[in-house]
Amino acid sequence: MALASLLILLTAAGYAVLCAVKPFAPCRKCSGTGVRTRRRTVTLCRRCHGDRARLRLGRRLLNDSRTIHAHGTRPHATDRKATPWQ
């Protein structure tokens, strides 16, 4: 049981490192080409908009959690009436 928990923890840590080092992955819909071929017409991929990459799920979760934390803890610049050094 402890070995399984350790394996799951190491897998999650490895994925977190992968998301930090390489946040983008090839688009699954167009296989990283950026275009789709349908009935002899070539169009931009609707999922990646021709960028050929997508943001990983783990990186998206990290970005959202950082945004939520920033909005919940830091005062907004428009709310400050005093000087920045006080």
PDB file of N, CA and C in Angstrom:
ATOM      1  N   MET A   1       0.819  -1.185   0.000  1.00  0.00           N
ATOM      2  CA  MET A   1       0.000   0.000   0.000  1.00  0.00           C
ATOM      3  C   MET A   1       0.868   1.256   0.000  1.00  0.00           C
ATOM      4  N   ALA A   2       1.918   1.253   0.805  1.00  0.00           N
ATOM      5  CA  ALA A   2       2.808   2.412   0.863  1.00  0.00           C
ATOM      6  C   ALA A   2       3.563   2.569  -0.453  1.00  0.00           C
ATOM      7  N   LEU A   3       3.899   1.452  -1.073  1.00  0.00           N
ATOM      8  CA  LEU A   3       4.606   1.505  -2.351  1.00  0.00           C
ATOM      9  C   LEU A   3       3.719   2.097  -3.442  1.00  0.00           C
ATOM     10  N   ALA A   4       2.446   1.735  -3.449  1.00  0.00           N
ATOM     11  CA  ALA A   4       1.511   2.284  -4.426  1.00  0.00           C
ATOM     12  C   ALA A   4       1.324   3.784  -4.215  1.00  0.00           C
ATOM     13  N   SER A   5       1.228   4.203  -2.972  1.00  0.00           N
ATOM     14  CA  SER A   5       1.087   5.626  -2.672  1.00  0.00           C
ATOM     15  C   SER A   5       2.325   6.404  -3.097  1.00  0.00           C
ATOM     16  N   LEU A   6       3.488   5.818  -2.857  1.00  0.00           N
ATOM     17  CA  LEU A   6       4.738   6.458  -3.261  1.00  0.00           C
ATOM     18  C   LEU A   6       4.826   6.563  -4.779  1.00  0.00           C
ATOM     19  N   LEU A   7       4.388   5.535  -5.476  1.00  0.00           N
ATOM     20  CA  LEU A   7       4.412   5.546  -6.942  1.00  0.00           C
ATOM     21  C   LEU A   7       3.476   6.619  -7.493  1.00  0.00           C
ATOM     22  N   ILE A   8       2.303   6.750  -6.916  1.00  0.00           N
ATOM     23  CA  ILE A   8       1.361   7.783  -7.354  1.00  0.00           C
ATOM     24  C   ILE A   8       1.923   9.173  -7.075  1.00  0.00           C
ATOM     25  N   LEU A   9       2.547   9.337  -5.929  1.00  0.00           N
ATOM     26  CA  LEU A   9       3.146  10.627  -5.577  1.00  0.00           C
ATOM     27  C   LEU A   9       4.291  10.986  -6.524  1.00  0.00           C
ATOM     28  N   LEU A  10       5.126  10.021  -6.861  1.00  0.00           N
ATOM     29  CA  LEU A  10       6.230  10.272  -7.795  1.00  0.00           C
ATOM     30  C   LEU A  10       5.712  10.589  -9.203  1.00  0.00           C
ATOM     31  N   THR A  11       4.664   9.909  -9.616  1.00  0.00           N
ATOM     32  CA  THR A  11       4.076  10.194 -10.928  1.00  0.00           C
ATOM     33  C   THR A  11       3.515  11.606 -10.977  1.00  0.00           C
ATOM     34  N   ALA A  12       2.807  12.015  -9.935  1.00  0.00           N
ATOM     35  CA  ALA A  12       2.251  13.370  -9.878  1.00  0.00           C
ATOM     36  C   ALA A  12       3.364  14.417  -9.843  1.00  0.00           C
ATOM     37  N   ALA A  13       4.423  14.141  -9.102  1.00  0.00           N
ATOM     38  CA  ALA A  13       5.552  15.075  -9.048  1.00  0.00           C
ATOM     39  C   ALA A  13       6.252  15.169 -10.404  1.00  0.00           C
ATOM     40  N   GLY A  14       6.380  14.047 -11.081  1.00  0.00           N
ATOM     41  CA  GLY A  14       6.991  14.056 -12.415  1.00  0.00           C
ATOM     42  C   GLY A  14       6.162  14.845 -13.408  1.00  0.00           C
ATOM     43  N   TYR A  15       4.843  14.712 -13.344  1.00  0.00           N
ATOM     44  CA  TYR A  15       3.972  15.472 -14.231  1.00  0.00           C
ATOM     45  C   TYR A  15       4.037  16.965 -13.912  1.00  0.00           C
ATOM     46  N   ALA A  16       4.146  17.304 -12.639  1.00  0.00           N
ATOM     47  CA  ALA A  16       4.266  18.712 -12.250  1.00  0.00           C
ATOM     48  C   ALA A  16       5.558  19.317 -12.790  1.00  0.00           C
ATOM     49  N   VAL A  17       6.640  18.560 -12.729  1.00  0.00           N
ATOM     50  CA  VAL A  17       7.917  19.039 -13.280  1.00  0.00           C
ATOM     51  C   VAL A  17       7.805  19.188 -14.793  1.00  0.00           C
ATOM     52  N   LEU A  18       7.148  18.233 -15.463  1.00  0.00           N
ATOM     53  CA  LEU A  18       6.966  18.309 -16.906  1.00  0.00           C
ATOM     54  C   LEU A  18       6.158  19.544 -17.281  1.00  0.00           C
ATOM     55  N   CYS A  19       5.106  19.844 -16.521  1.00  0.00           N
ATOM     56  CA  CYS A  19       4.288  21.022 -16.801  1.00  0.00           C
ATOM     57  C   CYS A  19       5.068  22.314 -16.570  1.00  0.00           C
ATOM     58  N   ALA A  20       5.992  22.304 -15.622  1.00  0.00           N
ATOM     59  CA  ALA A  20       6.791  23.498 -15.357  1.00  0.00           C
ATOM     60  C   ALA A  20       7.858  23.709 -16.426  1.00  0.00           C
ATOM     61  N   VAL A  21       8.466  22.618 -16.885  1.00  0.00           N
ATOM     62  CA  VAL A  21       9.552  22.713 -17.861  1.00  0.00           C
ATOM     63  C   VAL A  21       9.017  22.886 -19.278  1.00  0.00           C
ATOM     64  N   LYS A  22       7.996  22.125 -19.634  1.00  0.00           N
ATOM     65  CA  LYS A  22       7.460  22.141 -20.990  1.00  0.00           C
ATOM     66  C   LYS A  22       5.940  22.293 -20.917  1.00  0.00           C
ATOM     67  N   PRO A  23       5.439  23.542 -20.801  1.00  0.00           N
ATOM     68  CA  PRO A  23       4.004  23.741 -20.573  1.00  0.00           C
ATOM     69  C   PRO A  23       3.127  23.436 -21.783  1.00  0.00           C
ATOM     70  N   PHE A  24       3.685  23.404 -22.977  1.00  0.00           N
ATOM     71  CA  PHE A  24       2.884  23.162 -24.173  1.00  0.00           C
ATOM     72  C   PHE A  24       3.140  21.767 -24.722  1.00  0.00           C
ATOM     73  N   ALA A  25       2.076  21.152 -25.261  1.00  0.00           N
ATOM     74  CA  ALA A  25       2.149  19.832 -25.874  1.00  0.00           C
ATOM     75  C   ALA A  25       1.565  19.932 -27.286  1.00  0.00           C
ATOM     76  N   PRO A  26       1.907  19.014 -28.177  1.00  0.00           N
ATOM     77  CA  PRO A  26       1.320  19.053 -29.517  1.00  0.00           C
ATOM     78  C   PRO A  26      -0.195  18.891 -29.467  1.00  0.00           C
ATOM     79  N   CYS A  27      -0.879  19.567 -30.357  1.00  0.00           N
ATOM     80  CA  CYS A  27      -2.331  19.476 -30.433  1.00  0.00           C
ATOM     81  C   CYS A  27      -2.726  18.056 -30.820  1.00  0.00           C
ATOM     82  N   ARG A  28      -3.701  17.487 -30.120  1.00  0.00           N
ATOM     83  CA  ARG A  28      -4.123  16.117 -30.405  1.00  0.00           C
ATOM     84  C   ARG A  28      -5.031  16.044 -31.618  1.00  0.00           C
ATOM     85  N   LYS A  29      -5.731  17.093 -31.930  1.00  0.00           N
ATOM     86  CA  LYS A  29      -6.682  17.072 -33.039  1.00  0.00           C
ATOM     87  C   LYS A  29      -5.971  17.068 -34.393  1.00  0.00           C
ATOM     88  N   CYS A  30      -4.930  17.892 -34.527  1.00  0.00           N
ATOM     89  CA  CYS A  30      -4.224  17.992 -35.808  1.00  0.00           C
ATOM     90  C   CYS A  30      -2.863  17.321 -35.774  1.00  0.00           C
ATOM     91  N   SER A  31      -2.538  16.643 -34.694  1.00  0.00           N
ATOM     92  CA  SER A  31      -1.243  15.966 -34.506  1.00  0.00           C
ATOM     93  C   SER A  31      -0.061  16.922 -34.586  1.00  0.00           C
ATOM     94  N   GLY A  32      -0.270  18.158 -34.215  1.00  0.00           N
ATOM     95  CA  GLY A  32       0.805  19.136 -34.169  1.00  0.00           C
ATOM     96  C   GLY A  32       1.139  19.773 -35.500  1.00  0.00           C
ATOM     97  N   THR A  33       0.282  19.627 -36.511  1.00  0.00           N
ATOM     98  CA  THR A  33       0.559  20.251 -37.802  1.00  0.00           C
ATOM     99  C   THR A  33      -0.055  21.636 -37.927  1.00  0.00           C
ATOM    100  N   GLY A  34      -1.145  21.879 -37.225  1.00  0.00           N
ATOM    101  CA  GLY A  34      -1.803  23.180 -37.275  1.00  0.00           C
ATOM    102  C   GLY A  34      -2.877  23.278 -38.331  1.00  0.00           C
ATOM    103  N   VAL A  35      -2.985  22.287 -39.201  1.00  0.00           N
ATOM    104  CA  VAL A  35      -3.997  22.304 -40.256  1.00  0.00           C
ATOM    105  C   VAL A  35      -4.774  20.993 -40.261  1.00  0.00           C
ATOM    106  N   ARG A  36      -5.986  21.049 -40.780  1.00  0.00           N
ATOM    107  CA  ARG A  36      -6.820  19.859 -40.934  1.00  0.00           C
ATOM    108  C   ARG A  36      -7.196  19.739 -42.396  1.00  0.00           C
ATOM    109  N   THR A  37      -7.207  18.528 -42.903  1.00  0.00           N
ATOM    110  CA  THR A  37      -7.588  18.291 -44.296  1.00  0.00           C
ATOM    111  C   THR A  37      -8.930  17.564 -44.302  1.00  0.00           C
ATOM    112  N   ARG A  38      -9.922  18.197 -44.909  1.00  0.00           N
ATOM    113  CA  ARG A  38     -11.247  17.593 -45.032  1.00  0.00           C
ATOM    114  C   ARG A  38     -11.781  17.841 -46.438  1.00  0.00           C
ATOM    115  N   ARG A  39     -12.117  16.776 -47.142  1.00  0.00           N
ATOM    116  CA  ARG A  39     -12.694  16.856 -48.493  1.00  0.00           C
ATOM    117  C   ARG A  39     -11.880  17.746 -49.419  1.00  0.00           C
ATOM    118  N   ARG A  40     -10.624  17.486 -49.453  1.00  0.00           N
ATOM    119  CA  ARG A  40      -9.667  18.209 -50.320  1.00  0.00           C
ATOM    120  C   ARG A  40      -9.504  19.686 -49.970  1.00  0.00           C
ATOM    121  N   THR A  41      -9.913  20.105 -48.807  1.00  0.00           N
ATOM    122  CA  THR A  41      -9.691  21.485 -48.367  1.00  0.00           C
ATOM    123  C   THR A  41      -8.809  21.466 -47.134  1.00  0.00           C
ATOM    124  N   VAL A  42      -7.918  22.418 -47.081  1.00  0.00           N
ATOM    125  CA  VAL A  42      -7.011  22.532 -45.946  1.00  0.00           C
ATOM    126  C   VAL A  42      -7.427  23.754 -45.145  1.00  0.00           C
ATOM    127  N   THR A  43      -7.754  23.541 -43.870  1.00  0.00           N
ATOM    128  CA  THR A  43      -8.175  24.633 -42.995  1.00  0.00           C
ATOM    129  C   THR A  43      -7.343  24.614 -41.721  1.00  0.00           C
ATOM    130  N   LEU A  44      -7.344  25.728 -41.026  1.00  0.00           N
ATOM    131  CA  LEU A  44      -6.654  25.784 -39.744  1.00  0.00           C
ATOM    132  C   LEU A  44      -7.386  24.912 -38.737  1.00  0.00           C
ATOM    133  N   CYS A  45      -6.641  24.345 -37.849  1.00  0.00           N
ATOM    134  CA  CYS A  45      -7.219  23.508 -36.793  1.00  0.00           C
ATOM    135  C   CYS A  45      -8.069  24.382 -35.877  1.00  0.00           C
ATOM    136  N   ARG A  46      -9.288  23.933 -35.579  1.00  0.00           N
ATOM    137  CA  ARG A  46     -10.180  24.713 -34.728  1.00  0.00           C
ATOM    138  C   ARG A  46      -9.758  24.670 -33.267  1.00  0.00           C
ATOM    139  N   ARG A  47      -9.100  23.615 -32.864  1.00  0.00           N
ATOM    140  CA  ARG A  47      -8.734  23.483 -31.455  1.00  0.00           C
ATOM    141  C   ARG A  47      -7.529  24.360 -31.103  1.00  0.00           C
ATOM    142  N   CYS A  48      -6.477  24.329 -31.928  1.00  0.00           N
ATOM    143  CA  CYS A  48      -5.265  25.090 -31.597  1.00  0.00           C
ATOM    144  C   CYS A  48      -5.135  26.383 -32.406  1.00  0.00           C
ATOM    145  N   HIS A  49      -6.066  26.630 -33.330  1.00  0.00           N
ATOM    146  CA  HIS A  49      -6.068  27.836 -34.174  1.00  0.00           C
ATOM    147  C   HIS A  49      -4.783  27.982 -34.978  1.00  0.00           C
ATOM    148  N   GLY A  50      -4.188  26.862 -35.370  1.00  0.00           N
ATOM    149  CA  GLY A  50      -2.980  26.882 -36.188  1.00  0.00           C
ATOM    150  C   GLY A  50      -1.699  27.067 -35.404  1.00  0.00           C
ATOM    151  N   ASP A  51      -1.765  27.141 -34.084  1.00  0.00           N
ATOM    152  CA  ASP A  51      -0.563  27.314 -33.269  1.00  0.00           C
ATOM    153  C   ASP A  51       0.225  26.023 -33.105  1.00  0.00           C
ATOM    154  N   ARG A  52      -0.376  24.889 -33.427  1.00  0.00           N
ATOM    155  CA  ARG A  52       0.225  23.555 -33.377  1.00  0.00           C
ATOM    156  C   ARG A  52       0.519  23.069 -31.965  1.00  0.00           C
ATOM    157  N   ALA A  53       0.097  23.779 -30.949  1.00  0.00           N
ATOM    158  CA  ALA A  53       0.370  23.373 -29.573  1.00  0.00           C
ATOM    159  C   ALA A  53      -0.817  23.733 -28.693  1.00  0.00           C
ATOM    160  N   ARG A  54      -0.925  23.046 -27.572  1.00  0.00           N
ATOM    161  CA  ARG A  54      -1.976  23.318 -26.603  1.00  0.00           C
ATOM    162  C   ARG A  54      -1.347  23.389 -25.225  1.00  0.00           C
ATOM    163  N   LEU A  55      -1.987  24.080 -24.325  1.00  0.00           N
ATOM    164  CA  LEU A  55      -1.507  24.180 -22.950  1.00  0.00           C
ATOM    165  C   LEU A  55      -1.887  22.899 -22.212  1.00  0.00           C
ATOM    166  N   ARG A  56      -0.944  22.330 -21.492  1.00  0.00           N
ATOM    167  CA  ARG A  56      -1.214  21.094 -20.749  1.00  0.00           C
ATOM    168  C   ARG A  56      -2.223  21.352 -19.640  1.00  0.00           C
ATOM    169  N   LEU A  57      -2.956  20.314 -19.269  1.00  0.00           N
ATOM    170  CA  LEU A  57      -3.977  20.431 -18.237  1.00  0.00           C
ATOM    171  C   LEU A  57      -3.373  20.855 -16.907  1.00  0.00           C
ATOM    172  N   GLY A  58      -2.259  20.281 -16.521  1.00  0.00           N
ATOM    173  CA  GLY A  58      -1.616  20.639 -15.261  1.00  0.00           C
ATOM    174  C   GLY A  58      -1.162  22.085 -15.233  1.00  0.00           C
ATOM    175  N   ARG A  59      -0.658  22.585 -16.350  1.00  0.00           N
ATOM    176  CA  ARG A  59      -0.224  23.980 -16.414  1.00  0.00           C
ATOM    177  C   ARG A  59      -1.420  24.920 -16.347  1.00  0.00           C
ATOM    178  N   ARG A  60      -2.524  24.518 -16.987  1.00  0.00           N
ATOM    179  CA  ARG A  60      -3.736  25.328 -16.937  1.00  0.00           C
ATOM    180  C   ARG A  60      -4.255  25.420 -15.504  1.00  0.00           C
ATOM    181  N   LEU A  61      -4.230  24.304 -14.779  1.00  0.00           N
ATOM    182  CA  LEU A  61      -4.649  24.313 -13.377  1.00  0.00           C
ATOM    183  C   LEU A  61      -3.730  25.185 -12.521  1.00  0.00           C
ATOM    184  N   LEU A  62      -2.421  25.118 -12.786  1.00  0.00           N
ATOM    185  CA  LEU A  62      -1.470  25.946 -12.047  1.00  0.00           C
ATOM    186  C   LEU A  62      -1.708  27.427 -12.315  1.00  0.00           C
ATOM    187  N   ASN A  63      -1.927  27.791 -13.576  1.00  0.00           N
ATOM    188  CA  ASN A  63      -2.183  29.191 -13.916  1.00  0.00           C
ATOM    189  C   ASN A  63      -3.469  29.693 -13.259  1.00  0.00           C
ATOM    190  N   ASP A  64      -4.525  28.876 -13.282  1.00  0.00           N
ATOM    191  CA  ASP A  64      -5.786  29.282 -12.669  1.00  0.00           C
ATOM    192  C   ASP A  64      -5.653  29.437 -11.156  1.00  0.00           C
ATOM    193  N   SER A  65      -4.928  28.525 -10.523  1.00  0.00           N
ATOM    194  CA  SER A  65      -4.762  28.640  -9.072  1.00  0.00           C
ATOM    195  C   SER A  65      -3.934  29.868  -8.705  1.00  0.00           C
ATOM    196  N   ARG A  66      -2.943  30.196  -9.508  1.00  0.00           N
ATOM    197  CA  ARG A  66      -2.161  31.417  -9.253  1.00  0.00           C
ATOM    198  C   ARG A  66      -3.010  32.664  -9.417  1.00  0.00           C
ATOM    199  N   THR A  67      -3.884  32.672 -10.420  1.00  0.00           N
ATOM    200  CA  THR A  67      -4.763  33.813 -10.646  1.00  0.00           C
ATOM    201  C   THR A  67      -5.741  33.986  -9.496  1.00  0.00           C
ATOM    202  N   ILE A  68      -6.334  32.881  -9.050  1.00  0.00           N
ATOM    203  CA  ILE A  68      -7.272  32.941  -7.934  1.00  0.00           C
ATOM    204  C   ILE A  68      -6.570  33.430  -6.672  1.00  0.00           C
ATOM    205  N   HIS A  69      -5.377  32.940  -6.418  1.00  0.00           N
ATOM    206  CA  HIS A  69      -4.622  33.374  -5.236  1.00  0.00           C
ATOM    207  C   HIS A  69      -4.276  34.857  -5.326  1.00  0.00           C
ATOM    208  N   ALA A  70      -3.862  35.311  -6.506  1.00  0.00           N
ATOM    209  CA  ALA A  70      -3.492  36.714  -6.673  1.00  0.00           C
ATOM    210  C   ALA A  70      -4.694  37.635  -6.483  1.00  0.00           C
ATOM    211  N   HIS A  71      -5.845  37.230  -6.990  1.00  0.00           N
ATOM    212  CA  HIS A  71      -7.037  38.062  -6.832  1.00  0.00           C
ATOM    213  C   HIS A  71      -7.556  38.056  -5.402  1.00  0.00           C
ATOM    214  N   GLY A  72      -7.266  37.002  -4.659  1.00  0.00           N
ATOM    215  CA  GLY A  72      -7.781  36.910  -3.304  1.00  0.00           C
ATOM    216  C   GLY A  72      -6.881  37.496  -2.237  1.00  0.00           C
ATOM    217  N   THR A  73      -5.594  37.683  -2.522  1.00  0.00           N
ATOM    218  CA  THR A  73      -4.682  38.111  -1.476  1.00  0.00           C
ATOM    219  C   THR A  73      -4.048  39.473  -1.709  1.00  0.00           C
ATOM    220  N   ARG A  74      -3.866  39.877  -2.908  1.00  0.00           N
ATOM    221  CA  ARG A  74      -3.164  41.135  -3.176  1.00  0.00           C
ATOM    222  C   ARG A  74      -4.143  42.271  -3.386  1.00  0.00           C
ATOM    223  N   PRO A  75      -3.831  43.441  -2.840  1.00  0.00           N
ATOM    224  CA  PRO A  75      -4.714  44.591  -3.107  1.00  0.00           C
ATOM    225  C   PRO A  75      -4.536  45.046  -4.551  1.00  0.00           C
ATOM    226  N   HIS A  76      -5.611  45.496  -5.135  1.00  0.00           N
ATOM    227  CA  HIS A  76      -5.557  45.971  -6.512  1.00  0.00           C
ATOM    228  C   HIS A  76      -4.905  47.350  -6.564  1.00  0.00           C
ATOM    229  N   ALA A  77      -4.270  47.672  -7.668  1.00  0.00           N
ATOM    230  CA  ALA A  77      -3.564  48.943  -7.809  1.00  0.00           C
ATOM    231  C   ALA A  77      -4.536  50.125  -7.781  1.00  0.00           C
ATOM    232  N   THR A  78      -5.763  49.927  -8.215  1.00  0.00           N
ATOM    233  CA  THR A  78      -6.722  51.033  -8.229  1.00  0.00           C
ATOM    234  C   THR A  78      -7.278  51.322  -6.842  1.00  0.00           C
ATOM    235  N   ASP A  79      -7.164  50.378  -5.889  1.00  0.00           N
ATOM    236  CA  ASP A  79      -7.691  50.571  -4.545  1.00  0.00           C
ATOM    237  C   ASP A  79      -6.734  51.341  -3.644  1.00  0.00           C
ATOM    238  N   ARG A  80      -5.487  51.438  -4.017  1.00  0.00           N
ATOM    239  CA  ARG A  80      -4.486  52.072  -3.158  1.00  0.00           C
ATOM    240  C   ARG A  80      -4.580  53.581  -3.271  1.00  0.00           C
ATOM    241  N   LYS A  81      -4.647  54.216  -2.124  1.00  0.00           N
ATOM    242  CA  LYS A  81      -4.681  55.679  -2.085  1.00  0.00           C
ATOM    243  C   LYS A  81      -3.344  56.243  -1.615  1.00  0.00           C
ATOM    244  N   ALA A  82      -2.565  55.441  -0.914  1.00  0.00           N
ATOM    245  CA  ALA A  82      -1.295  55.907  -0.381  1.00  0.00           C
ATOM    246  C   ALA A  82      -0.171  55.653  -1.387  1.00  0.00           C
ATOM    247  N   THR A  83       1.003  56.078  -1.036  1.00  0.00           N
ATOM    248  CA  THR A  83       2.164  55.845  -1.888  1.00  0.00           C
ATOM    249  C   THR A  83       2.551  54.372  -1.829  1.00  0.00           C
ATOM    250  N   PRO A  84       3.237  53.855  -2.816  1.00  0.00           N
ATOM    251  CA  PRO A  84       3.565  52.425  -2.847  1.00  0.00           C
ATOM    252  C   PRO A  84       4.515  51.979  -1.747  1.00  0.00           C
ATOM    253  N   TRP A  85       5.303  52.891  -1.166  1.00  0.00           N
ATOM    254  CA  TRP A  85       6.284  52.476  -0.154  1.00  0.00           C
ATOM    255  C   TRP A  85       5.731  52.548   1.261  1.00  0.00           C
ATOM    256  N   GLN A  86       4.467  52.858   1.452  1.00  0.00           N
ATOM    257  CA  GLN A  86       3.890  52.921   2.804  1.00  0.00           C
ATOM    258  C   GLN A  86       2.979  51.765   3.050  1.00  0.00           C
TER     259      GLN A  86
END
